[in-house]
Amino acid sequence: MENNKDYKEHLAAVQKSGRALKFVPEDLKTLELCEVAVKEYGRALADVPEELKTRELCEIAVKDSGRNLKYVPKDLKSPELCELAIK
């Protein structure tokens, strides 16, 4: 139950500022929490565990700033995503 309380606190923190994701313990990072953080602050993708990075999540980050392309795993980089980064 304590873990659930911690999770809710971290979720509230990343809803206020996606930058807070870097302070969330790895075992509490979920796809939902990471999505909230990246939607709020695209650069938060840098703090998303590799196994949670999805094409959609990377797209959100790159739409926020083309510079976030550097945090996209090689296997998720596509010509479309690179084009999006340039725009």
Protein backbone atom coordinates (compact mmCIF):
# COMPACT_ATOMS: atom_id res chain seq x y z
CA MET A 1 0.00 0.00 0.00
CA GLU A 2 2.89 2.36 0.76
CA ASN A 3 4.13 1.91 -2.82
CA ASN A 4 0.73 3.02 -4.15
CA LYS A 5 0.88 6.19 -2.04
CA ASP A 6 4.39 6.93 -3.31
CA TYR A 7 3.26 6.33 -6.89
CA LYS A 8 0.36 8.77 -6.53
CA GLU A 9 2.69 11.40 -5.07
CA HIS A 10 5.12 11.00 -7.98
CA LEU A 11 2.25 11.07 -10.48
CA ALA A 12 1.02 14.35 -8.97
CA ALA A 13 4.56 15.75 -9.18
CA VAL A 14 5.04 14.90 -12.87
CA GLN A 15 1.58 16.29 -13.67
CA LYS A 16 2.81 19.63 -12.31
CA SER A 17 6.20 19.35 -13.99
CA GLY A 18 7.44 16.61 -16.29
CA ARG A 19 10.96 17.47 -15.13
CA ALA A 20 10.15 15.65 -11.89
CA LEU A 21 10.40 12.31 -13.71
CA LYS A 22 14.14 12.22 -13.10
CA PHE A 23 13.45 12.00 -9.35
CA VAL A 24 11.01 9.08 -9.60
CA PRO A 25 12.55 5.76 -8.50
CA GLU A 26 12.94 3.33 -11.43
CA ASP A 27 10.59 0.77 -9.86
CA LEU A 28 7.76 3.34 -9.81
CA LYS A 29 8.15 4.47 -13.42
CA THR A 30 5.22 3.12 -15.43
CA LEU A 31 4.18 3.85 -19.00
CA GLU A 32 1.29 5.96 -17.65
CA LEU A 33 3.57 8.05 -15.42
CA CYS A 34 6.13 8.50 -18.21
CA GLU A 35 3.43 9.54 -20.70
CA VAL A 36 2.16 12.19 -18.30
CA ALA A 37 5.71 13.51 -17.83
CA VAL A 38 6.58 13.57 -21.54
CA LYS A 39 3.29 15.26 -22.49
CA GLU A 40 4.04 17.95 -19.93
CA TYR A 41 7.78 18.24 -20.75
CA GLY A 42 9.07 16.51 -23.88
CA ARG A 43 12.66 16.36 -22.68
CA ALA A 44 11.51 14.03 -19.89
CA LEU A 45 11.93 11.30 -22.52
CA ALA A 46 15.60 11.31 -21.45
CA ASP A 47 14.51 9.90 -18.07
CA VAL A 48 12.13 7.25 -19.42
CA PRO A 49 13.53 3.71 -19.11
CA GLU A 50 14.39 2.28 -22.54
CA GLU A 51 11.89 -0.57 -22.19
CA LEU A 52 9.04 1.95 -21.71
CA LYS A 53 9.85 4.09 -24.75
CA THR A 54 7.20 3.59 -27.41
CA ARG A 55 6.86 5.07 -30.87
CA GLU A 56 3.95 7.21 -29.64
CA LEU A 57 5.86 8.47 -26.61
CA CYS A 58 8.86 9.38 -28.77
CA GLU A 59 6.56 11.17 -31.21
CA ILE A 60 5.12 13.30 -28.39
CA ALA A 61 8.62 14.25 -27.24
CA VAL A 62 9.85 15.08 -30.75
CA LYS A 63 6.74 17.18 -31.48
CA ASP A 64 7.57 19.17 -28.35
CA SER A 65 11.13 19.77 -29.58
CA GLY A 66 13.14 18.26 -32.41
CA ARG A 67 16.11 18.20 -30.06
CA ASN A 68 14.47 15.35 -28.15
CA LEU A 69 15.25 13.06 -31.09
CA LYS A 70 18.56 12.32 -29.38
CA TYR A 71 16.66 10.47 -26.61
CA VAL A 72 14.83 8.20 -29.07
CA PRO A 73 16.23 4.66 -29.26
CA LYS A 74 17.83 3.79 -32.61
CA ASP A 75 15.23 1.11 -33.39
CA LEU A 76 12.40 3.64 -32.98
CA LYS A 77 13.91 6.30 -35.23
CA SER A 78 12.11 6.45 -38.55
CA PRO A 79 12.23 8.84 -41.52
CA GLU A 80 8.82 10.17 -40.37
CA LEU A 81 10.08 10.85 -36.86
CA CYS A 82 13.17 12.60 -38.21
CA GLU A 83 10.95 14.74 -40.46
CA LEU A 84 8.84 15.62 -37.45
CA ALA A 85 12.00 16.68 -35.60
CA ILE A 86 12.97 19.04 -38.41
CA LYS A 87 9.55 20.74 -38.37
